[in-house]
């Protein structure tokens, strides 16, 4: 599996989970910059191939009233299942909750 396939899998997993409003780049600023909104979704997702396996990361905005822990657990379980079917290992995920969307 190459880097592009791993990014595509990560995006599919994030898109399939209800409660995720938007995906953002991991940064330490609380404000969203204009350059971030202009970036391609594949540039925002952090995907690395390490010796021990794949590492994924992003920052999410979720719906109000949903448990962040359950969303992260769903992401973890789906990534682990898909990667194990491709005979790859999941080394880690870094998911930051950037904010909450009130409807």
PDB file of N, CA and C in Angstrom:
ATOM      1  N   UNK A   1       0.840  -1.170   0.000  1.00  0.00           N
ATOM      2  CA  UNK A   1       0.000   0.000   0.000  1.00  0.00           C
ATOM      3  C   UNK A   1       0.890   1.239   0.000  1.00  0.00           C
ATOM      4  N   UNK A   2       0.546   2.192  -0.850  1.00  0.00           N
ATOM      5  CA  UNK A   2       1.333   3.418  -0.894  1.00  0.00           C
ATOM      6  C   UNK A   2       0.614   4.541  -0.136  1.00  0.00           C
ATOM      7  N   UNK A   3       1.245   5.697  -0.099  1.00  0.00           N
ATOM      8  CA  UNK A   3       0.749   6.821   0.679  1.00  0.00           C
ATOM      9  C   UNK A   3      -0.605   7.321   0.179  1.00  0.00           C
ATOM     10  N   UNK A   4      -0.790   7.380  -1.126  1.00  0.00           N
ATOM     11  CA  UNK A   4      -2.056   7.862  -1.687  1.00  0.00           C
ATOM     12  C   UNK A   4      -3.216   6.933  -1.347  1.00  0.00           C
ATOM     13  N   UNK A   5      -2.979   5.633  -1.396  1.00  0.00           N
ATOM     14  CA  UNK A   5      -4.027   4.677  -1.028  1.00  0.00           C
ATOM     15  C   UNK A   5      -4.389   4.818   0.447  1.00  0.00           C
ATOM     16  N   UNK A   6      -3.388   5.018   1.284  1.00  0.00           N
ATOM     17  CA  UNK A   6      -3.637   5.185   2.719  1.00  0.00           C
ATOM     18  C   UNK A   6      -4.430   6.460   2.988  1.00  0.00           C
ATOM     19  N   UNK A   7      -4.119   7.543   2.284  1.00  0.00           N
ATOM     20  CA  UNK A   7      -4.881   8.790   2.439  1.00  0.00           C
ATOM     21  C   UNK A   7      -6.330   8.597   2.008  1.00  0.00           C
ATOM     22  N   UNK A   8      -6.522   7.884   0.902  1.00  0.00           N
ATOM     23  CA  UNK A   8      -7.873   7.623   0.405  1.00  0.00           C
ATOM     24  C   UNK A   8      -8.671   6.797   1.421  1.00  0.00           C
ATOM     25  N   UNK A   9      -8.047   5.796   2.004  1.00  0.00           N
ATOM     26  CA  UNK A   9      -8.710   4.973   3.026  1.00  0.00           C
ATOM     27  C   UNK A   9      -9.079   5.827   4.238  1.00  0.00           C
ATOM     28  N   UNK A  10      -8.154   6.672   4.680  1.00  0.00           N
ATOM     29  CA  UNK A  10      -8.404   7.531   5.837  1.00  0.00           C
ATOM     30  C   UNK A  10      -9.573   8.477   5.565  1.00  0.00           C
ATOM     31  N   UNK A  11      -9.614   9.063   4.380  1.00  0.00           N
ATOM     32  CA  UNK A  11     -10.704   9.967   4.019  1.00  0.00           C
ATOM     33  C   UNK A  11     -12.035   9.222   3.955  1.00  0.00           C
ATOM     34  N   UNK A  12     -12.029   8.013   3.421  1.00  0.00           N
ATOM     35  CA  UNK A  12     -13.260   7.216   3.363  1.00  0.00           C
ATOM     36  C   UNK A  12     -13.771   6.890   4.765  1.00  0.00           C
ATOM     37  N   UNK A  13     -12.863   6.550   5.657  1.00  0.00           N
ATOM     38  CA  UNK A  13     -13.257   6.245   7.035  1.00  0.00           C
ATOM     39  C   UNK A  13     -13.851   7.482   7.705  1.00  0.00           C
ATOM     40  N   UNK A  14     -13.193   8.630   7.554  1.00  0.00           N
ATOM     41  CA  UNK A  14     -13.698   9.859   8.165  1.00  0.00           C
ATOM     42  C   UNK A  14     -15.052  10.253   7.583  1.00  0.00           C
ATOM     43  N   UNK A  15     -15.231  10.048   6.289  1.00  0.00           N
ATOM     44  CA  UNK A  15     -16.491  10.406   5.631  1.00  0.00           C
ATOM     45  C   UNK A  15     -17.634   9.490   6.037  1.00  0.00           C
ATOM     46  N   UNK A  16     -17.318   8.274   6.428  1.00  0.00           N
ATOM     47  CA  UNK A  16     -18.365   7.304   6.746  1.00  0.00           C
ATOM     48  C   UNK A  16     -18.894   7.416   8.173  1.00  0.00           C
ATOM     49  N   UNK A  17     -18.238   8.194   9.010  1.00  0.00           N
ATOM     50  CA  UNK A  17     -18.628   8.271  10.417  1.00  0.00           C
ATOM     51  C   UNK A  17     -19.576   9.453  10.634  1.00  0.00           C
ATOM     52  N   UNK A  18     -20.789   9.172  11.130  1.00  0.00           N
ATOM     53  CA  UNK A  18     -21.725  10.267  11.390  1.00  0.00           C
ATOM     54  C   UNK A  18     -21.261  11.113  12.569  1.00  0.00           C
ATOM     55  N   UNK A  19     -21.489  12.403  12.464  1.00  0.00           N
ATOM     56  CA  UNK A  19     -21.126  13.309  13.544  1.00  0.00           C
ATOM     57  C   UNK A  19     -19.911  14.158  13.248  1.00  0.00           C
ATOM     58  N   UNK A  20     -19.155  13.819  12.200  1.00  0.00           N
ATOM     59  CA  UNK A  20     -18.004  14.633  11.818  1.00  0.00           C
ATOM     60  C   UNK A  20     -18.493  15.708  10.857  1.00  0.00           C
ATOM     61  N   UNK A  21     -18.349  16.973  11.266  1.00  0.00           N
ATOM     62  CA  UNK A  21     -18.830  18.090  10.460  1.00  0.00           C
ATOM     63  C   UNK A  21     -17.786  18.516   9.443  1.00  0.00           C
ATOM     64  N   UNK A  22     -16.532  18.657   9.885  1.00  0.00           N
ATOM     65  CA  UNK A  22     -15.472  19.085   8.978  1.00  0.00           C
ATOM     66  C   UNK A  22     -14.125  18.558   9.448  1.00  0.00           C
ATOM     67  N   UNK A  23     -13.191  18.528   8.502  1.00  0.00           N
ATOM     68  CA  UNK A  23     -11.840  18.028   8.748  1.00  0.00           C
ATOM     69  C   UNK A  23     -10.879  19.192   8.572  1.00  0.00           C
ATOM     70  N   UNK A  24      -9.965  19.350   9.521  1.00  0.00           N
ATOM     71  CA  UNK A  24      -9.008  20.449   9.487  1.00  0.00           C
ATOM     72  C   UNK A  24      -7.591  19.915   9.646  1.00  0.00           C
ATOM     73  N   UNK A  25      -6.642  20.773   9.298  1.00  0.00           N
ATOM     74  CA  UNK A  25      -5.232  20.445   9.481  1.00  0.00           C
ATOM     75  C   UNK A  25      -4.884  20.569  10.963  1.00  0.00           C
ATOM     76  N   UNK A  26      -3.981  19.728  11.420  1.00  0.00           N
ATOM     77  CA  UNK A  26      -3.521  19.821  12.805  1.00  0.00           C
ATOM     78  C   UNK A  26      -2.590  21.020  12.915  1.00  0.00           C
ATOM     79  N   UNK A  27      -2.981  21.993  13.752  1.00  0.00           N
ATOM     80  CA  UNK A  27      -2.113  23.125  14.058  1.00  0.00           C
ATOM     81  C   UNK A  27      -2.437  23.602  15.463  1.00  0.00           C
ATOM     82  N   UNK A  28      -1.569  24.390  16.034  1.00  0.00           N
ATOM     83  CA  UNK A  28      -1.743  24.820  17.417  1.00  0.00           C
ATOM     84  C   UNK A  28      -2.574  26.086  17.548  1.00  0.00           C
ATOM     85  N   UNK A  29      -2.873  26.744  16.434  1.00  0.00           N
ATOM     86  CA  UNK A  29      -3.703  27.944  16.480  1.00  0.00           C
ATOM     87  C   UNK A  29      -5.163  27.559  16.610  1.00  0.00           C
ATOM     88  N   UNK A  30      -5.900  28.290  17.407  1.00  0.00           N
ATOM     89  CA  UNK A  30      -7.323  27.996  17.556  1.00  0.00           C
ATOM     90  C   UNK A  30      -8.134  28.576  16.408  1.00  0.00           C
ATOM     91  N   UNK A  31      -7.581  29.535  15.707  1.00  0.00           N
ATOM     92  CA  UNK A  31      -8.295  30.168  14.601  1.00  0.00           C
ATOM     93  C   UNK A  31      -7.918  29.501  13.290  1.00  0.00           C
ATOM     94  N   UNK A  32      -8.910  29.400  12.407  1.00  0.00           N
ATOM     95  CA  UNK A  32      -8.662  28.801  11.098  1.00  0.00           C
ATOM     96  C   UNK A  32      -8.124  29.883  10.173  1.00  0.00           C
ATOM     97  N   UNK A  33      -7.005  29.614   9.543  1.00  0.00           N
ATOM     98  CA  UNK A  33      -6.423  30.590   8.637  1.00  0.00           C
ATOM     99  C   UNK A  33      -7.007  30.425   7.242  1.00  0.00           C
ATOM    100  N   UNK A  34      -6.861  31.466   6.424  1.00  0.00           N
ATOM    101  CA  UNK A  34      -7.380  31.404   5.061  1.00  0.00           C
ATOM    102  C   UNK A  34      -6.634  30.378   4.230  1.00  0.00           C
ATOM    103  N   UNK A  35      -5.348  30.202   4.501  1.00  0.00           N
ATOM    104  CA  UNK A  35      -4.578  29.235   3.722  1.00  0.00           C
ATOM    105  C   UNK A  35      -5.057  27.816   3.979  1.00  0.00           C
ATOM    106  N   UNK A  36      -5.606  27.563   5.162  1.00  0.00           N
ATOM    107  CA  UNK A  36      -6.102  26.225   5.475  1.00  0.00           C
ATOM    108  C   UNK A  36      -7.346  25.901   4.662  1.00  0.00           C
ATOM    109  N   UNK A  37      -8.201  26.891   4.439  1.00  0.00           N
ATOM    110  CA  UNK A  37      -9.428  26.640   3.689  1.00  0.00           C
ATOM    111  C   UNK A  37      -9.139  26.413   2.215  1.00  0.00           C
ATOM    112  N   UNK A  38      -8.015  26.896   1.726  1.00  0.00           N
ATOM    113  CA  UNK A  38      -7.658  26.732   0.320  1.00  0.00           C
ATOM    114  C   UNK A  38      -6.955  25.412   0.042  1.00  0.00           C
ATOM    115  N   UNK A  39      -6.570  24.681   1.066  1.00  0.00           N
ATOM    116  CA  UNK A  39      -5.804  23.452   0.871  1.00  0.00           C
ATOM    117  C   UNK A  39      -6.692  22.311   0.397  1.00  0.00           C
ATOM    118  N   UNK A  40      -6.075  21.418  -0.349  1.00  0.00           N
ATOM    119  CA  UNK A  40      -6.734  20.193  -0.782  1.00  0.00           C
ATOM    120  C   UNK A  40      -6.929  19.292   0.440  1.00  0.00           C
ATOM    121  N   UNK A  41      -7.996  18.522   0.452  1.00  0.00           N
ATOM    122  CA  UNK A  41      -8.288  17.650   1.598  1.00  0.00           C
ATOM    123  C   UNK A  41      -7.159  16.646   1.828  1.00  0.00           C
ATOM    124  N   UNK A  42      -6.504  16.213   0.762  1.00  0.00           N
ATOM    125  CA  UNK A  42      -5.422  15.241   0.910  1.00  0.00           C
ATOM    126  C   UNK A  42      -4.183  15.865   1.539  1.00  0.00           C
ATOM    127  N   UNK A  43      -4.027  17.188   1.429  1.00  0.00           N
ATOM    128  CA  UNK A  43      -2.902  17.869   2.072  1.00  0.00           C
ATOM    129  C   UNK A  43      -3.152  18.061   3.568  1.00  0.00           C
ATOM    130  N   UNK A  44      -4.417  18.103   3.954  1.00  0.00           N
ATOM    131  CA  UNK A  44      -4.775  18.310   5.358  1.00  0.00           C
ATOM    132  C   UNK A  44      -4.545  17.046   6.178  1.00  0.00           C
ATOM    133  N   UNK A  45      -4.837  15.890   5.597  1.00  0.00           N
ATOM    134  CA  UNK A  45      -4.703  14.624   6.314  1.00  0.00           C
ATOM    135  C   UNK A  45      -3.235  14.274   6.508  1.00  0.00           C
ATOM    136  N   UNK A  46      -2.863  13.926   7.717  1.00  0.00           N
ATOM    137  CA  UNK A  46      -1.497  13.493   8.000  1.00  0.00           C
ATOM    138  C   UNK A  46      -1.449  11.976   7.969  1.00  0.00           C
ATOM    139  N   UNK A  47      -0.679  11.453   7.033  1.00  0.00           N
ATOM    140  CA  UNK A  47      -0.529  10.006   6.887  1.00  0.00           C
ATOM    141  C   UNK A  47       0.955   9.712   6.742  1.00  0.00           C
ATOM    142  N   UNK A  48       1.462   8.822   7.582  1.00  0.00           N
ATOM    143  CA  UNK A  48       2.879   8.456   7.550  1.00  0.00           C
ATOM    144  C   UNK A  48       3.032   6.942   7.577  1.00  0.00           C
ATOM    145  N   UNK A  49       3.978   6.450   6.809  1.00  0.00           N
ATOM    146  CA  UNK A  49       4.347   5.032   6.848  1.00  0.00           C
ATOM    147  C   UNK A  49       5.618   4.928   7.671  1.00  0.00           C
ATOM    148  N   UNK A  50       5.535   4.236   8.792  1.00  0.00           N
ATOM    149  CA  UNK A  50       6.680   4.024   9.671  1.00  0.00           C
ATOM    150  C   UNK A  50       7.051   2.551   9.655  1.00  0.00           C
ATOM    151  N   UNK A  51       8.164   2.208  10.289  1.00  0.00           N
ATOM    152  CA  UNK A  51       8.578   0.806  10.334  1.00  0.00           C
ATOM    153  C   UNK A  51       7.560  -0.056  11.070  1.00  0.00           C
ATOM    154  N   UNK A  52       6.932   0.508  12.100  1.00  0.00           N
ATOM    155  CA  UNK A  52       5.984  -0.268  12.903  1.00  0.00           C
ATOM    156  C   UNK A  52       4.580  -0.288  12.311  1.00  0.00           C
ATOM    157  N   UNK A  53       4.308   0.544  11.327  1.00  0.00           N
ATOM    158  CA  UNK A  53       2.980   0.587  10.724  1.00  0.00           C
ATOM    159  C   UNK A  53       2.619   1.993  10.266  1.00  0.00           C
ATOM    160  N   UNK A  54       1.334   2.206  10.050  1.00  0.00           N
ATOM    161  CA  UNK A  54       0.822   3.485   9.563  1.00  0.00           C
ATOM    162  C   UNK A  54       0.377   4.364  10.724  1.00  0.00           C
ATOM    163  N   UNK A  55       0.630   5.676  10.573  1.00  0.00           N
ATOM    164  CA  UNK A  55       0.160   6.656  11.548  1.00  0.00           C
ATOM    165  C   UNK A  55      -0.693   7.687  10.811  1.00  0.00           C
ATOM    166  N   UNK A  56      -1.865   7.963  11.372  1.00  0.00           N
ATOM    167  CA  UNK A  56      -2.821   8.879  10.766  1.00  0.00           C
ATOM    168  C   UNK A  56      -3.114  10.017  11.726  1.00  0.00           C
ATOM    169  N   UNK A  57      -3.434  11.188  11.186  1.00  0.00           N
ATOM    170  CA  UNK A  57      -3.778  12.311  12.040  1.00  0.00           C
ATOM    171  C   UNK A  57      -4.579  13.376  11.321  1.00  0.00           C
ATOM    172  N   UNK A  58      -5.429  14.051  12.063  1.00  0.00           N
ATOM    173  CA  UNK A  58      -6.185  15.194  11.561  1.00  0.00           C
ATOM    174  C   UNK A  58      -6.862  15.876  12.746  1.00  0.00           C
ATOM    175  N   UNK A  59      -7.503  16.971  12.465  1.00  0.00           N
ATOM    176  CA  UNK A  59      -8.269  17.698  13.458  1.00  0.00           C
ATOM    177  C   UNK A  59      -9.710  17.759  12.967  1.00  0.00           C
ATOM    178  N   UNK A  60     -10.669  17.536  13.858  1.00  0.00           N
ATOM    179  CA  UNK A  60     -12.070  17.424  13.459  1.00  0.00           C
ATOM    180  C   UNK A  60     -12.944  18.427  14.190  1.00  0.00           C
ATOM    181  N   UNK A  61     -14.016  18.811  13.525  1.00  0.00           N
ATOM    182  CA  UNK A  61     -15.108  19.534  14.174  1.00  0.00           C
ATOM    183  C   UNK A  61     -16.283  18.571  14.195  1.00  0.00           C
ATOM    184  N   UNK A  62     -16.858  18.358  15.386  1.00  0.00           N
ATOM    185  CA  UNK A  62     -17.921  17.360  15.533  1.00  0.00           C
ATOM    186  C   UNK A  62     -19.235  18.031  15.944  1.00  0.00           C
ATOM    187  N   UNK A  63     -20.325  17.292  15.792  1.00  0.00           N
ATOM    188  CA  UNK A  63     -21.639  17.787  16.184  1.00  0.00           C
ATOM    189  C   UNK A  63     -21.772  17.833  17.701  1.00  0.00           C
ATOM    190  N   UNK A  64     -22.502  18.818  18.174  1.00  0.00           N
ATOM    191  CA  UNK A  64     -22.779  18.974  19.602  1.00  0.00           C
ATOM    192  C   UNK A  64     -23.591  17.778  20.101  1.00  0.00           C
ATOM    193  N   UNK A  65     -23.249  17.276  21.258  1.00  0.00           N
ATOM    194  CA  UNK A  65     -23.991  16.190  21.875  1.00  0.00           C
ATOM    195  C   UNK A  65     -23.432  14.810  21.594  1.00  0.00           C
ATOM    196  N   UNK A  66     -22.449  14.715  20.726  1.00  0.00           N
ATOM    197  CA  UNK A  66     -21.841  13.417  20.435  1.00  0.00           C
ATOM    198  C   UNK A  66     -20.556  13.261  21.228  1.00  0.00           C
ATOM    199  N   UNK A  67     -20.269  12.048  21.612  1.00  0.00           N
ATOM    200  CA  UNK A  67     -19.071  11.752  22.383  1.00  0.00           C
ATOM    201  C   UNK A  67     -17.852  11.703  21.465  1.00  0.00           C
ATOM    202  N   UNK A  68     -16.854  12.506  21.789  1.00  0.00           N
ATOM    203  CA  UNK A  68     -15.619  12.497  21.007  1.00  0.00           C
ATOM    204  C   UNK A  68     -14.932  11.142  21.121  1.00  0.00           C
ATOM    205  N   UNK A  69     -15.026  10.533  22.286  1.00  0.00           N
ATOM    206  CA  UNK A  69     -14.398   9.229  22.499  1.00  0.00           C
ATOM    207  C   UNK A  69     -14.994   8.173  21.576  1.00  0.00           C
ATOM    208  N   UNK A  70     -16.305   8.172  21.409  1.00  0.00           N
ATOM    209  CA  UNK A  70     -16.923   7.166  20.537  1.00  0.00           C
ATOM    210  C   UNK A  70     -16.562   7.399  19.073  1.00  0.00           C
ATOM    211  N   UNK A  71     -16.439   8.655  18.665  1.00  0.00           N
ATOM    212  CA  UNK A  71     -16.046   8.954  17.280  1.00  0.00           C
ATOM    213  C   UNK A  71     -14.624   8.478  17.023  1.00  0.00           C
ATOM    214  N   UNK A  72     -13.716   8.757  17.950  1.00  0.00           N
ATOM    215  CA  UNK A  72     -12.324   8.324  17.791  1.00  0.00           C
ATOM    216  C   UNK A  72     -12.235   6.800  17.816  1.00  0.00           C
ATOM    217  N   UNK A  73     -13.017   6.147  18.664  1.00  0.00           N
ATOM    218  CA  UNK A  73     -13.035   4.680  18.693  1.00  0.00           C
ATOM    219  C   UNK A  73     -13.522   4.100  17.371  1.00  0.00           C
ATOM    220  N   UNK A  74     -14.537   4.711  16.768  1.00  0.00           N
ATOM    221  CA  UNK A  74     -15.022   4.247  15.469  1.00  0.00           C
ATOM    222  C   UNK A  74     -13.947   4.394  14.397  1.00  0.00           C
ATOM    223  N   UNK A  75     -13.252   5.522  14.411  1.00  0.00           N
ATOM    224  CA  UNK A  75     -12.171   5.743  13.441  1.00  0.00           C
ATOM    225  C   UNK A  75     -11.100   4.672  13.621  1.00  0.00           C
ATOM    226  N   UNK A  76     -10.707   4.429  14.871  1.00  0.00           N
ATOM    227  CA  UNK A  76      -9.672   3.441  15.164  1.00  0.00           C
ATOM    228  C   UNK A  76     -10.078   2.047  14.692  1.00  0.00           C
ATOM    229  N   UNK A  77     -11.291   1.627  15.029  1.00  0.00           N
ATOM    230  CA  UNK A  77     -11.742   0.279  14.671  1.00  0.00           C
ATOM    231  C   UNK A  77     -11.821   0.090  13.162  1.00  0.00           C
ATOM    232  N   UNK A  78     -12.341   1.093  12.451  1.00  0.00           N
ATOM    233  CA  UNK A  78     -12.451   0.968  11.001  1.00  0.00           C
ATOM    234  C   UNK A  78     -11.081   0.949  10.333  1.00  0.00           C
ATOM    235  N   UNK A  79     -10.171   1.829  10.773  1.00  0.00           N
ATOM    236  CA  UNK A  79      -8.827   1.839  10.195  1.00  0.00           C
ATOM    237  C   UNK A  79      -8.105   0.526  10.466  1.00  0.00           C
ATOM    238  N   UNK A  80      -8.205   0.028  11.684  1.00  0.00           N
ATOM    239  CA  UNK A  80      -7.541  -1.230  12.031  1.00  0.00           C
ATOM    240  C   UNK A  80      -8.081  -2.382  11.195  1.00  0.00           C
ATOM    241  N   UNK A  81      -9.392  -2.437  10.995  1.00  0.00           N
ATOM    242  CA  UNK A  81     -10.009  -3.496  10.202  1.00  0.00           C
ATOM    243  C   UNK A  81      -9.561  -3.430   8.740  1.00  0.00           C
ATOM    244  N   UNK A  82      -9.614  -2.243   8.146  1.00  0.00           N
ATOM    245  CA  UNK A  82      -9.237  -2.095   6.734  1.00  0.00           C
ATOM    246  C   UNK A  82      -7.762  -2.395   6.530  1.00  0.00           C
ATOM    247  N   UNK A  83      -6.910  -1.891   7.418  1.00  0.00           N
ATOM    248  CA  UNK A  83      -5.473  -2.133   7.272  1.00  0.00           C
ATOM    249  C   UNK A  83      -5.130  -3.604   7.482  1.00  0.00           C
ATOM    250  N   UNK A  84      -5.796  -4.268   8.415  1.00  0.00           N
ATOM    251  CA  UNK A  84      -5.508  -5.690   8.630  1.00  0.00           C
ATOM    252  C   UNK A  84      -5.945  -6.523   7.429  1.00  0.00           C
ATOM    253  N   UNK A  85      -7.002  -6.107   6.740  1.00  0.00           N
ATOM    254  CA  UNK A  85      -7.406  -6.801   5.510  1.00  0.00           C
ATOM    255  C   UNK A  85      -6.374  -6.630   4.400  1.00  0.00           C
ATOM    256  N   UNK A  86      -5.633  -5.521   4.436  1.00  0.00           N
ATOM    257  CA  UNK A  86      -4.570  -5.261   3.457  1.00  0.00           C
ATOM    258  C   UNK A  86      -3.200  -5.709   3.960  1.00  0.00           C
ATOM    259  N   UNK A  87      -3.193  -6.468   5.061  1.00  0.00           N
ATOM    260  CA  UNK A  87      -1.954  -6.980   5.665  1.00  0.00           C
ATOM    261  C   UNK A  87      -0.992  -5.854   6.059  1.00  0.00           C
ATOM    262  N   UNK A  88      -1.561  -4.788   6.592  1.00  0.00           N
ATOM    263  CA  UNK A  88      -0.795  -3.654   7.097  1.00  0.00           C
ATOM    264  C   UNK A  88      -1.128  -3.487   8.579  1.00  0.00           C
ATOM    265  N   UNK A  89      -0.309  -2.703   9.287  1.00  0.00           N
ATOM    266  CA  UNK A  89      -0.529  -2.471  10.712  1.00  0.00           C
ATOM    267  C   UNK A  89      -0.834  -1.001  10.962  1.00  0.00           C
ATOM    268  N   UNK A  90      -1.676  -0.774  11.957  1.00  0.00           N
ATOM    269  CA  UNK A  90      -1.971   0.577  12.416  1.00  0.00           C
ATOM    270  C   UNK A  90      -1.076   0.862  13.613  1.00  0.00           C
ATOM    271  N   UNK A  91      -0.194   1.842  13.474  1.00  0.00           N
ATOM    272  CA  UNK A  91       0.721   2.177  14.563  1.00  0.00           C
ATOM    273  C   UNK A  91       0.108   3.206  15.505  1.00  0.00           C
ATOM    274  N   UNK A  92      -0.646   4.151  14.960  1.00  0.00           N
ATOM    275  CA  UNK A  92      -1.256   5.147  15.833  1.00  0.00           C
ATOM    276  C   UNK A  92      -2.110   6.131  15.071  1.00  0.00           C
ATOM    277  N   UNK A  93      -3.000   6.778  15.812  1.00  0.00           N
ATOM    278  CA  UNK A  93      -3.799   7.855  15.239  1.00  0.00           C
ATOM    279  C   UNK A  93      -3.751   9.050  16.182  1.00  0.00           C
ATOM    280  N   UNK A  94      -3.697  10.231  15.604  1.00  0.00           N
ATOM    281  CA  UNK A  94      -3.739  11.484  16.357  1.00  0.00           C
ATOM    282  C   UNK A  94      -4.950  12.261  15.867  1.00  0.00           C
ATOM    283  N   UNK A  95      -6.002  12.245  16.658  1.00  0.00           N
ATOM    284  CA  UNK A  95      -7.222  12.954  16.311  1.00  0.00           C
ATOM    285  C   UNK A  95      -7.423  14.062  17.340  1.00  0.00           C
ATOM    286  N   UNK A  96      -7.481  15.292  16.867  1.00  0.00           N
ATOM    287  CA  UNK A  96      -7.739  16.437  17.726  1.00  0.00           C
ATOM    288  C   UNK A  96      -9.144  16.951  17.438  1.00  0.00           C
ATOM    289  N   UNK A  97      -9.874  17.283  18.475  1.00  0.00           N
ATOM    290  CA  UNK A  97     -11.200  17.868  18.308  1.00  0.00           C
ATOM    291  C   UNK A  97     -11.015  19.383  18.306  1.00  0.00           C
ATOM    292  N   UNK A  98     -11.190  19.981  17.135  1.00  0.00           N
ATOM    293  CA  UNK A  98     -10.956  21.411  16.979  1.00  0.00           C
ATOM    294  C   UNK A  98     -12.129  22.236  17.496  1.00  0.00           C
ATOM    295  N   UNK A  99     -13.315  21.673  17.408  1.00  0.00           N
ATOM    296  CA  UNK A  99     -14.467  22.429  17.866  1.00  0.00           C
ATOM    297  C   UNK A  99     -15.734  21.609  17.802  1.00  0.00           C
ATOM    298  N   UNK A 100     -16.814  22.260  18.220  1.00  0.00           N
ATOM    299  CA  UNK A 100     -18.128  21.634  18.236  1.00  0.00           C
ATOM    300  C   UNK A 100     -19.058  22.496  17.399  1.00  0.00           C
ATOM    301  N   UNK A 101     -19.865  21.844  16.577  1.00  0.00           N
ATOM    302  CA  UNK A 101     -20.821  22.546  15.716  1.00  0.00           C
ATOM    303  C   UNK A 101     -22.204  22.427  16.336  1.00  0.00           C
ATOM    304  N   UNK A 102     -22.818  23.570  16.606  1.00  0.00           N
ATOM    305  CA  UNK A 102     -24.167  23.591  17.178  1.00  0.00           C
ATOM    306  C   UNK A 102     -25.164  23.772  16.050  1.00  0.00           C
ATOM    307  N   UNK A 103     -26.154  22.887  15.987  1.00  0.00           N
ATOM    308  CA  UNK A 103     -27.172  23.029  14.941  1.00  0.00           C
ATOM    309  C   UNK A 103     -28.392  23.720  15.484  1.00  0.00           C
TER     310      UNK A 103
END
